[in-house]
Amino acid sequence: MNLAVADVRVLAEALAAWYRTGDTGLLDAWSATCLRRVWRAQDFSTWMTALLHRAPDDDAFALRVQQARLDYLAVSKPAARSLAENYVGLENV
């Protein structure tokens, strides 16, 4: 839902610019602008799923890597901030 709302916001800004000035630049860029955010969200969702869930075929190495990633999030402010920014949705992606 957040992606859809963000897409509509970008579209509304593009339409407003077009009605105000006749400039189609934002309308022309709408798809590319929105797709950057969509692919960022897809990447984050894949990462978060791998971070929080075990796959049936995970071996001991995969489980230790998963734990190391969780541990890193617990001690690294930049990593925690990145998680938070991606979780709530990046504004300028």
PDB file of N, CA and C in Angstrom:
ATOM      1  N   MET A   1       0.822  -1.179   0.000  1.00  0.00           N
ATOM      2  CA  MET A   1       0.000   0.000   0.000  1.00  0.00           C
ATOM      3  C   MET A   1       0.877   1.257   0.000  1.00  0.00           C
ATOM      4  N   ASN A   2       1.972   1.242   0.768  1.00  0.00           N
ATOM      5  CA  ASN A   2       2.848   2.408   0.806  1.00  0.00           C
ATOM      6  C   ASN A   2       3.392   2.745  -0.575  1.00  0.00           C
ATOM      7  N   LEU A   3       3.731   1.717  -1.352  1.00  0.00           N
ATOM      8  CA  LEU A   3       4.247   1.963  -2.698  1.00  0.00           C
ATOM      9  C   LEU A   3       3.179   2.615  -3.574  1.00  0.00           C
ATOM     10  N   ALA A   4       1.958   2.151  -3.466  1.00  0.00           N
ATOM     11  CA  ALA A   4       0.880   2.718  -4.269  1.00  0.00           C
ATOM     12  C   ALA A   4       0.622   4.171  -3.894  1.00  0.00           C
ATOM     13  N   VAL A   5       0.620   4.469  -2.615  1.00  0.00           N
ATOM     14  CA  VAL A   5       0.409   5.849  -2.161  1.00  0.00           C
ATOM     15  C   VAL A   5       1.549   6.736  -2.654  1.00  0.00           C
ATOM     16  N   ALA A   6       2.768   6.241  -2.571  1.00  0.00           N
ATOM     17  CA  ALA A   6       3.914   7.018  -3.053  1.00  0.00           C
ATOM     18  C   ALA A   6       3.813   7.252  -4.557  1.00  0.00           C
ATOM     19  N   ASP A   7       3.380   6.249  -5.308  1.00  0.00           N
ATOM     20  CA  ASP A   7       3.211   6.409  -6.754  1.00  0.00           C
ATOM     21  C   ASP A   7       2.188   7.493  -7.072  1.00  0.00           C
ATOM     22  N   VAL A   8       1.096   7.502  -6.320  1.00  0.00           N
ATOM     23  CA  VAL A   8       0.051   8.506  -6.550  1.00  0.00           C
ATOM     24  C   VAL A   8       0.571   9.901  -6.205  1.00  0.00           C
ATOM     25  N   ARG A   9       1.360  10.013  -5.147  1.00  0.00           N
ATOM     26  CA  ARG A   9       1.934  11.304  -4.780  1.00  0.00           C
ATOM     27  C   ARG A   9       2.826  11.832  -5.902  1.00  0.00           C
ATOM     28  N   VAL A  10       3.676  10.951  -6.446  1.00  0.00           N
ATOM     29  CA  VAL A  10       4.560  11.355  -7.545  1.00  0.00           C
ATOM     30  C   VAL A  10       3.723  11.748  -8.767  1.00  0.00           C
ATOM     31  N   LEU A  11       2.684  10.981  -9.048  1.00  0.00           N
ATOM     32  CA  LEU A  11       1.813  11.293 -10.187  1.00  0.00           C
ATOM     33  C   LEU A  11       1.097  12.628  -9.980  1.00  0.00           C
ATOM     34  N   ALA A  12       0.610  12.866  -8.758  1.00  0.00           N
ATOM     35  CA  ALA A  12      -0.083  14.129  -8.479  1.00  0.00           C
ATOM     36  C   ALA A  12       0.844  15.321  -8.700  1.00  0.00           C
ATOM     37  N   GLU A  13       2.092  15.206  -8.240  1.00  0.00           N
ATOM     38  CA  GLU A  13       3.057  16.285  -8.452  1.00  0.00           C
ATOM     39  C   GLU A  13       3.327  16.487  -9.946  1.00  0.00           C
ATOM     40  N   ALA A  14       3.414  15.395 -10.688  1.00  0.00           N
ATOM     41  CA  ALA A  14       3.673  15.481 -12.124  1.00  0.00           C
ATOM     42  C   ALA A  14       2.491  16.127 -12.848  1.00  0.00           C
ATOM     43  N   LEU A  15       1.287  15.727 -12.477  1.00  0.00           N
ATOM     44  CA  LEU A  15       0.095  16.313 -13.104  1.00  0.00           C
ATOM     45  C   LEU A  15      -0.028  17.796 -12.758  1.00  0.00           C
ATOM     46  N   ALA A  16       0.247  18.136 -11.516  1.00  0.00           N
ATOM     47  CA  ALA A  16       0.177  19.555 -11.117  1.00  0.00           C
ATOM     48  C   ALA A  16       1.173  20.379 -11.916  1.00  0.00           C
ATOM     49  N   ALA A  17       2.375  19.871 -12.086  1.00  0.00           N
ATOM     50  CA  ALA A  17       3.380  20.594 -12.878  1.00  0.00           C
ATOM     51  C   ALA A  17       2.924  20.745 -14.325  1.00  0.00           C
ATOM     52  N   TRP A  18       2.341  19.709 -14.865  1.00  0.00           N
ATOM     53  CA  TRP A  18       1.876  19.755 -16.252  1.00  0.00           C
ATOM     54  C   TRP A  18       0.743  20.776 -16.416  1.00  0.00           C
ATOM     55  N   TYR A  19      -0.218  20.767 -15.471  1.00  0.00           N
ATOM     56  CA  TYR A  19      -1.316  21.723 -15.558  1.00  0.00           C
ATOM     57  C   TYR A  19      -0.845  23.155 -15.345  1.00  0.00           C
ATOM     58  N   ARG A  20       0.140  23.350 -14.451  1.00  0.00           N
ATOM     59  CA  ARG A  20       0.648  24.697 -14.173  1.00  0.00           C
ATOM     60  C   ARG A  20       1.465  25.261 -15.324  1.00  0.00           C
ATOM     61  N   THR A  21       2.351  24.425 -15.873  1.00  0.00           N
ATOM     62  CA  THR A  21       3.331  24.966 -16.823  1.00  0.00           C
ATOM     63  C   THR A  21       3.295  24.314 -18.203  1.00  0.00           C
ATOM     64  N   GLY A  22       2.616  23.188 -18.321  1.00  0.00           N
ATOM     65  CA  GLY A  22       2.628  22.461 -19.582  1.00  0.00           C
ATOM     66  C   GLY A  22       3.845  21.568 -19.743  1.00  0.00           C
ATOM     67  N   ASP A  23       4.722  21.558 -18.754  1.00  0.00           N
ATOM     68  CA  ASP A  23       5.945  20.744 -18.791  1.00  0.00           C
ATOM     69  C   ASP A  23       5.594  19.278 -18.520  1.00  0.00           C
ATOM     70  N   THR A  24       6.027  18.395 -19.416  1.00  0.00           N
ATOM     71  CA  THR A  24       5.735  16.969 -19.261  1.00  0.00           C
ATOM     72  C   THR A  24       6.906  16.186 -18.666  1.00  0.00           C
ATOM     73  N   GLY A  25       7.948  16.882 -18.229  1.00  0.00           N
ATOM     74  CA  GLY A  25       9.146  16.212 -17.722  1.00  0.00           C
ATOM     75  C   GLY A  25       8.861  15.241 -16.587  1.00  0.00           C
ATOM     76  N   LEU A  26       8.105  15.689 -15.579  1.00  0.00           N
ATOM     77  CA  LEU A  26       7.802  14.804 -14.450  1.00  0.00           C
ATOM     78  C   LEU A  26       6.885  13.657 -14.865  1.00  0.00           C
ATOM     79  N   LEU A  27       5.962  13.936 -15.766  1.00  0.00           N
ATOM     80  CA  LEU A  27       5.099  12.852 -16.266  1.00  0.00           C
ATOM     81  C   LEU A  27       5.916  11.823 -17.042  1.00  0.00           C
ATOM     82  N   ASP A  28       6.822  12.304 -17.864  1.00  0.00           N
ATOM     83  CA  ASP A  28       7.669  11.398 -18.644  1.00  0.00           C
ATOM     84  C   ASP A  28       8.558  10.544 -17.742  1.00  0.00           C
ATOM     85  N   ALA A  29       8.953  11.089 -16.615  1.00  0.00           N
ATOM     86  CA  ALA A  29       9.856  10.383 -15.706  1.00  0.00           C
ATOM     87  C   ALA A  29       9.111   9.563 -14.655  1.00  0.00           C
ATOM     88  N   TRP A  30       7.786   9.624 -14.642  1.00  0.00           N
ATOM     89  CA  TRP A  30       6.997   8.993 -13.579  1.00  0.00           C
ATOM     90  C   TRP A  30       7.329   7.517 -13.404  1.00  0.00           C
ATOM     91  N   SER A  31       7.311   6.759 -14.464  1.00  0.00           N
ATOM     92  CA  SER A  31       7.558   5.323 -14.359  1.00  0.00           C
ATOM     93  C   SER A  31       8.945   5.029 -13.794  1.00  0.00           C
ATOM     94  N   ALA A  32       9.958   5.671 -14.329  1.00  0.00           N
ATOM     95  CA  ALA A  32      11.327   5.443 -13.845  1.00  0.00           C
ATOM     96  C   ALA A  32      11.461   5.863 -12.389  1.00  0.00           C
ATOM     97  N   THR A  33      10.838   6.981 -12.043  1.00  0.00           N
ATOM     98  CA  THR A  33      10.896   7.461 -10.660  1.00  0.00           C
ATOM     99  C   THR A  33      10.282   6.433  -9.713  1.00  0.00           C
ATOM    100  N   CYS A  34       9.132   5.923 -10.070  1.00  0.00           N
ATOM    101  CA  CYS A  34       8.440   4.963  -9.207  1.00  0.00           C
ATOM    102  C   CYS A  34       9.139   3.603  -9.197  1.00  0.00           C
ATOM    103  N   LEU A  35       9.659   3.190 -10.330  1.00  0.00           N
ATOM    104  CA  LEU A  35      10.329   1.885 -10.378  1.00  0.00           C
ATOM    105  C   LEU A  35      11.570   1.830  -9.507  1.00  0.00           C
ATOM    106  N   ARG A  36      12.284   2.929  -9.359  1.00  0.00           N
ATOM    107  CA  ARG A  36      13.440   2.937  -8.442  1.00  0.00           C
ATOM    108  C   ARG A  36      12.989   2.555  -7.037  1.00  0.00           C
ATOM    109  N   ARG A  37      11.887   3.139  -6.582  1.00  0.00           N
ATOM    110  CA  ARG A  37      11.368   2.845  -5.251  1.00  0.00           C
ATOM    111  C   ARG A  37      10.851   1.412  -5.166  1.00  0.00           C
ATOM    112  N   VAL A  38      10.184   0.946  -6.206  1.00  0.00           N
ATOM    113  CA  VAL A  38       9.648  -0.418  -6.205  1.00  0.00           C
ATOM    114  C   VAL A  38      10.771  -1.440  -6.099  1.00  0.00           C
ATOM    115  N   TRP A  39      11.830  -1.259  -6.881  1.00  0.00           N
ATOM    116  CA  TRP A  39      12.935  -2.220  -6.824  1.00  0.00           C
ATOM    117  C   TRP A  39      13.693  -2.122  -5.512  1.00  0.00           C
ATOM    118  N   ARG A  40      13.787  -0.932  -4.928  1.00  0.00           N
ATOM    119  CA  ARG A  40      14.402  -0.790  -3.607  1.00  0.00           C
ATOM    120  C   ARG A  40      13.575  -1.567  -2.584  1.00  0.00           C
ATOM    121  N   ALA A  41      12.243  -1.450  -2.676  1.00  0.00           N
ATOM    122  CA  ALA A  41      11.355  -2.156  -1.745  1.00  0.00           C
ATOM    123  C   ALA A  41      11.452  -3.667  -1.940  1.00  0.00           C
ATOM    124  N   GLN A  42      11.560  -4.112  -3.183  1.00  0.00           N
ATOM    125  CA  GLN A  42      11.697  -5.550  -3.442  1.00  0.00           C
ATOM    126  C   GLN A  42      12.993  -6.087  -2.853  1.00  0.00           C
ATOM    127  N   ASP A  43      14.071  -5.326  -3.046  1.00  0.00           N
ATOM    128  CA  ASP A  43      15.351  -5.747  -2.485  1.00  0.00           C
ATOM    129  C   ASP A  43      15.274  -5.808  -0.961  1.00  0.00           C
ATOM    130  N   PHE A  44      14.698  -4.791  -0.351  1.00  0.00           N
ATOM    131  CA  PHE A  44      14.582  -4.773   1.103  1.00  0.00           C
ATOM    132  C   PHE A  44      13.720  -5.927   1.600  1.00  0.00           C
ATOM    133  N   SER A  45      12.614  -6.192   0.934  1.00  0.00           N
ATOM    134  CA  SER A  45      11.738  -7.295   1.353  1.00  0.00           C
ATOM    135  C   SER A  45      12.452  -8.638   1.277  1.00  0.00           C
ATOM    136  N   THR A  46      13.224  -8.828   0.224  1.00  0.00           N
ATOM    137  CA  THR A  46      13.984 -10.072   0.082  1.00  0.00           C
ATOM    138  C   THR A  46      15.024 -10.183   1.194  1.00  0.00           C
ATOM    139  N   TRP A  47      15.734  -9.096   1.459  1.00  0.00           N
ATOM    140  CA  TRP A  47      16.743  -9.072   2.514  1.00  0.00           C
ATOM    141  C   TRP A  47      16.117  -9.334   3.882  1.00  0.00           C
ATOM    142  N   MET A  48      15.003  -8.654   4.168  1.00  0.00           N
ATOM    143  CA  MET A  48      14.348  -8.804   5.465  1.00  0.00           C
ATOM    144  C   MET A  48      13.817 -10.222   5.656  1.00  0.00           C
ATOM    145  N   THR A  49      13.275 -10.809   4.613  1.00  0.00           N
ATOM    146  CA  THR A  49      12.793 -12.183   4.696  1.00  0.00           C
ATOM    147  C   THR A  49      13.935 -13.134   5.010  1.00  0.00           C
ATOM    148  N   ALA A  50      15.052 -12.966   4.318  1.00  0.00           N
ATOM    149  CA  ALA A  50      16.217 -13.822   4.578  1.00  0.00           C
ATOM    150  C   ALA A  50      16.786 -13.581   5.975  1.00  0.00           C
ATOM    151  N   LEU A  51      16.659 -12.362   6.469  1.00  0.00           N
ATOM    152  CA  LEU A  51      17.169 -12.024   7.791  1.00  0.00           C
ATOM    153  C   LEU A  51      16.350 -12.681   8.897  1.00  0.00           C
ATOM    154  N   LEU A  52      15.049 -12.744   8.713  1.00  0.00           N
ATOM    155  CA  LEU A  52      14.163 -13.156   9.798  1.00  0.00           C
ATOM    156  C   LEU A  52      13.609 -14.567   9.681  1.00  0.00           C
ATOM    157  N   HIS A  53      13.777 -15.204   8.539  1.00  0.00           N
ATOM    158  CA  HIS A  53      13.205 -16.532   8.354  1.00  0.00           C
ATOM    159  C   HIS A  53      14.268 -17.525   7.912  1.00  0.00           C
ATOM    160  N   ARG A  54      14.130 -18.730   8.376  1.00  0.00           N
ATOM    161  CA  ARG A  54      15.030 -19.798   7.959  1.00  0.00           C
ATOM    162  C   ARG A  54      14.435 -20.520   6.756  1.00  0.00           C
ATOM    163  N   ALA A  55      15.279 -20.796   5.798  1.00  0.00           N
ATOM    164  CA  ALA A  55      14.859 -21.596   4.648  1.00  0.00           C
ATOM    165  C   ALA A  55      14.988 -23.078   5.037  1.00  0.00           C
ATOM    166  N   PRO A  56      14.142 -23.933   4.497  1.00  0.00           N
ATOM    167  CA  PRO A  56      14.188 -25.353   4.861  1.00  0.00           C
ATOM    168  C   PRO A  56      15.545 -26.005   4.599  1.00  0.00           C
ATOM    169  N   ASP A  57      16.263 -25.519   3.608  1.00  0.00           N
ATOM    170  CA  ASP A  57      17.537 -26.145   3.264  1.00  0.00           C
ATOM    171  C   ASP A  57      18.748 -25.393   3.831  1.00  0.00           C
ATOM    172  N   ASP A  58      18.530 -24.463   4.774  1.00  0.00           N
ATOM    173  CA  ASP A  58      19.653 -23.746   5.383  1.00  0.00           C
ATOM    174  C   ASP A  58      20.555 -24.716   6.139  1.00  0.00           C
ATOM    175  N   ASP A  59      21.841 -24.578   5.904  1.00  0.00           N
ATOM    176  CA  ASP A  59      22.808 -25.387   6.652  1.00  0.00           C
ATOM    177  C   ASP A  59      23.351 -24.552   7.815  1.00  0.00           C
ATOM    178  N   ALA A  60      24.296 -25.103   8.554  1.00  0.00           N
ATOM    179  CA  ALA A  60      24.849 -24.423   9.718  1.00  0.00           C
ATOM    180  C   ALA A  60      25.512 -23.104   9.336  1.00  0.00           C
ATOM    181  N   PHE A  61      26.182 -23.070   8.184  1.00  0.00           N
ATOM    182  CA  PHE A  61      26.827 -21.847   7.729  1.00  0.00           C
ATOM    183  C   PHE A  61      25.793 -20.748   7.496  1.00  0.00           C
ATOM    184  N   ALA A  62      24.717 -21.060   6.799  1.00  0.00           N
ATOM    185  CA  ALA A  62      23.675 -20.064   6.505  1.00  0.00           C
ATOM    186  C   ALA A  62      23.058 -19.538   7.797  1.00  0.00           C
ATOM    187  N   LEU A  63      22.867 -20.397   8.772  1.00  0.00           N
ATOM    188  CA  LEU A  63      22.296 -19.957  10.035  1.00  0.00           C
ATOM    189  C   LEU A  63      23.249 -19.037  10.798  1.00  0.00           C
ATOM    190  N   ARG A  64      24.552 -19.310  10.738  1.00  0.00           N
ATOM    191  CA  ARG A  64      25.534 -18.448  11.401  1.00  0.00           C
ATOM    192  C   ARG A  64      25.613 -17.086  10.704  1.00  0.00           C
ATOM    193  N   VAL A  65      25.528 -17.070   9.384  1.00  0.00           N
ATOM    194  CA  VAL A  65      25.520 -15.796   8.653  1.00  0.00           C
ATOM    195  C   VAL A  65      24.283 -14.998   9.039  1.00  0.00           C
ATOM    196  N   GLN A  66      23.142 -15.651   9.109  1.00  0.00           N
ATOM    197  CA  GLN A  66      21.908 -14.982   9.511  1.00  0.00           C
ATOM    198  C   GLN A  66      22.056 -14.379  10.915  1.00  0.00           C
ATOM    199  N   GLN A  67      22.622 -15.127  11.831  1.00  0.00           N
ATOM    200  CA  GLN A  67      22.811 -14.629  13.190  1.00  0.00           C
ATOM    201  C   GLN A  67      23.791 -13.457  13.220  1.00  0.00           C
ATOM    202  N   ALA A  68      24.851 -13.540  12.414  1.00  0.00           N
ATOM    203  CA  ALA A  68      25.820 -12.445  12.346  1.00  0.00           C
ATOM    204  C   ALA A  68      25.156 -11.166  11.836  1.00  0.00           C
ATOM    205  N   ARG A  69      24.271 -11.280  10.881  1.00  0.00           N
ATOM    206  CA  ARG A  69      23.564 -10.106  10.359  1.00  0.00           C
ATOM    207  C   ARG A  69      22.660  -9.500  11.429  1.00  0.00           C
ATOM    208  N   LEU A  70      21.957 -10.343  12.165  1.00  0.00           N
ATOM    209  CA  LEU A  70      21.103  -9.851  13.251  1.00  0.00           C
ATOM    210  C   LEU A  70      21.940  -9.183  14.343  1.00  0.00           C
ATOM    211  N   ASP A  71      23.064  -9.799  14.689  1.00  0.00           N
ATOM    212  CA  ASP A  71      23.955  -9.219  15.692  1.00  0.00           C
ATOM    213  C   ASP A  71      24.465  -7.857  15.247  1.00  0.00           C
ATOM    214  N   TYR A  72      24.828  -7.751  13.983  1.00  0.00           N
ATOM    215  CA  TYR A  72      25.333  -6.489  13.447  1.00  0.00           C
ATOM    216  C   TYR A  72      24.269  -5.392  13.552  1.00  0.00           C
ATOM    217  N   LEU A  73      23.033  -5.721  13.243  1.00  0.00           N
ATOM    218  CA  LEU A  73      21.952  -4.745  13.355  1.00  0.00           C
ATOM    219  C   LEU A  73      21.793  -4.260  14.791  1.00  0.00           C
ATOM    220  N   ALA A  74      22.056  -5.136  15.742  1.00  0.00           N
ATOM    221  CA  ALA A  74      21.888  -4.788  17.149  1.00  0.00           C
ATOM    222  C   ALA A  74      22.966  -3.832  17.655  1.00  0.00           C
ATOM    223  N   VAL A  75      24.130  -3.811  17.011  1.00  0.00           N
ATOM    224  CA  VAL A  75      25.238  -2.987  17.519  1.00  0.00           C
ATOM    225  C   VAL A  75      25.618  -1.833  16.603  1.00  0.00           C
ATOM    226  N   SER A  76      25.154  -1.828  15.382  1.00  0.00           N
ATOM    227  CA  SER A  76      25.551  -0.793  14.430  1.00  0.00           C
ATOM    228  C   SER A  76      24.423   0.220  14.229  1.00  0.00           C
ATOM    229  N   LYS A  77      24.676   1.458  14.619  1.00  0.00           N
ATOM    230  CA  LYS A  77      23.674   2.503  14.404  1.00  0.00           C
ATOM    231  C   LYS A  77      23.407   2.747  12.914  1.00  0.00           C
ATOM    232  N   PRO A  78      24.448   2.794  12.059  1.00  0.00           N
ATOM    233  CA  PRO A  78      24.167   2.975  10.626  1.00  0.00           C
ATOM    234  C   PRO A  78      23.338   1.821  10.039  1.00  0.00           C
ATOM    235  N   ALA A  79      23.620   0.587  10.460  1.00  0.00           N
ATOM    236  CA  ALA A  79      22.843  -0.548   9.948  1.00  0.00           C
ATOM    237  C   ALA A  79      21.402  -0.464  10.433  1.00  0.00           C
ATOM    238  N   ALA A  80      21.229  -0.118  11.705  1.00  0.00           N
ATOM    239  CA  ALA A  80      19.876   0.016  12.251  1.00  0.00           C
ATOM    240  C   ALA A  80      19.118   1.147  11.561  1.00  0.00           C
ATOM    241  N   ARG A  81      19.824   2.233  11.282  1.00  0.00           N
ATOM    242  CA  ARG A  81      19.187   3.357  10.589  1.00  0.00           C
ATOM    243  C   ARG A  81      18.760   2.960   9.178  1.00  0.00           C
ATOM    244  N   SER A  82      19.635   2.231   8.476  1.00  0.00           N
ATOM    245  CA  SER A  82      19.294   1.769   7.133  1.00  0.00           C
ATOM    246  C   SER A  82      18.060   0.873   7.159  1.00  0.00           C
ATOM    247  N   LEU A  83      18.012  -0.026   8.121  1.00  0.00           N
ATOM    248  CA  LEU A  83      16.828  -0.884   8.256  1.00  0.00           C
ATOM    249  C   LEU A  83      15.583  -0.032   8.486  1.00  0.00           C
ATOM    250  N   ALA A  84      15.681   0.929   9.402  1.00  0.00           N
ATOM    251  CA  ALA A  84      14.532   1.786   9.706  1.00  0.00           C
ATOM    252  C   ALA A  84      14.091   2.599   8.497  1.00  0.00           C
ATOM    253  N   GLU A  85      15.050   3.179   7.771  1.00  0.00           N
ATOM    254  CA  GLU A  85      14.709   3.974   6.588  1.00  0.00           C
ATOM    255  C   GLU A  85      14.007   3.120   5.543  1.00  0.00           C
ATOM    256  N   ASN A  86      14.518   1.933   5.322  1.00  0.00           N
ATOM    257  CA  ASN A  86      13.903   1.054   4.331  1.00  0.00           C
ATOM    258  C   ASN A  86      12.555   0.534   4.803  1.00  0.00           C
ATOM    259  N   TYR A  87      12.422   0.293   6.093  1.00  0.00           N
ATOM    260  CA  TYR A  87      11.174  -0.245   6.633  1.00  0.00           C
ATOM    261  C   TYR A  87      10.028   0.731   6.473  1.00  0.00           C
ATOM    262  N   VAL A  88      10.306   2.004   6.736  1.00  0.00           N
ATOM    263  CA  VAL A  88       9.240   3.013   6.623  1.00  0.00           C
ATOM    264  C   VAL A  88       9.107   3.569   5.221  1.00  0.00           C
ATOM    265  N   GLY A  89      10.091   3.314   4.371  1.00  0.00           N
ATOM    266  CA  GLY A  89      10.028   3.781   2.989  1.00  0.00           C
ATOM    267  C   GLY A  89      10.893   4.987   2.784  1.00  0.00           C
ATOM    268  N   LEU A  90      11.869   4.852   1.920  1.00  0.00           N
ATOM    269  CA  LEU A  90      12.788   5.946   1.641  1.00  0.00           C
ATOM    270  C   LEU A  90      12.076   7.021   0.823  1.00  0.00           C
ATOM    271  N   GLU A  91      12.297   8.238   1.179  1.00  0.00           N
ATOM    272  CA  GLU A  91      11.621   9.359   0.515  1.00  0.00           C
ATOM    273  C   GLU A  91      12.149   9.622  -0.883  1.00  0.00           C
ATOM    274  N   ASN A  92      13.451   9.582  -1.072  1.00  0.00           N
ATOM    275  CA  ASN A  92      14.032  10.036  -2.331  1.00  0.00           C
ATOM    276  C   ASN A  92      14.642   8.912  -3.155  1.00  0.00           C
ATOM    277  N   VAL A  93      14.069   7.759  -3.104  1.00  0.00           N
ATOM    278  CA  VAL A  93      14.617   6.643  -3.885  1.00  0.00           C
ATOM    279  C   VAL A  93      13.766   6.441  -5.103  1.00  0.00           C
TER     280      VAL A  93
END
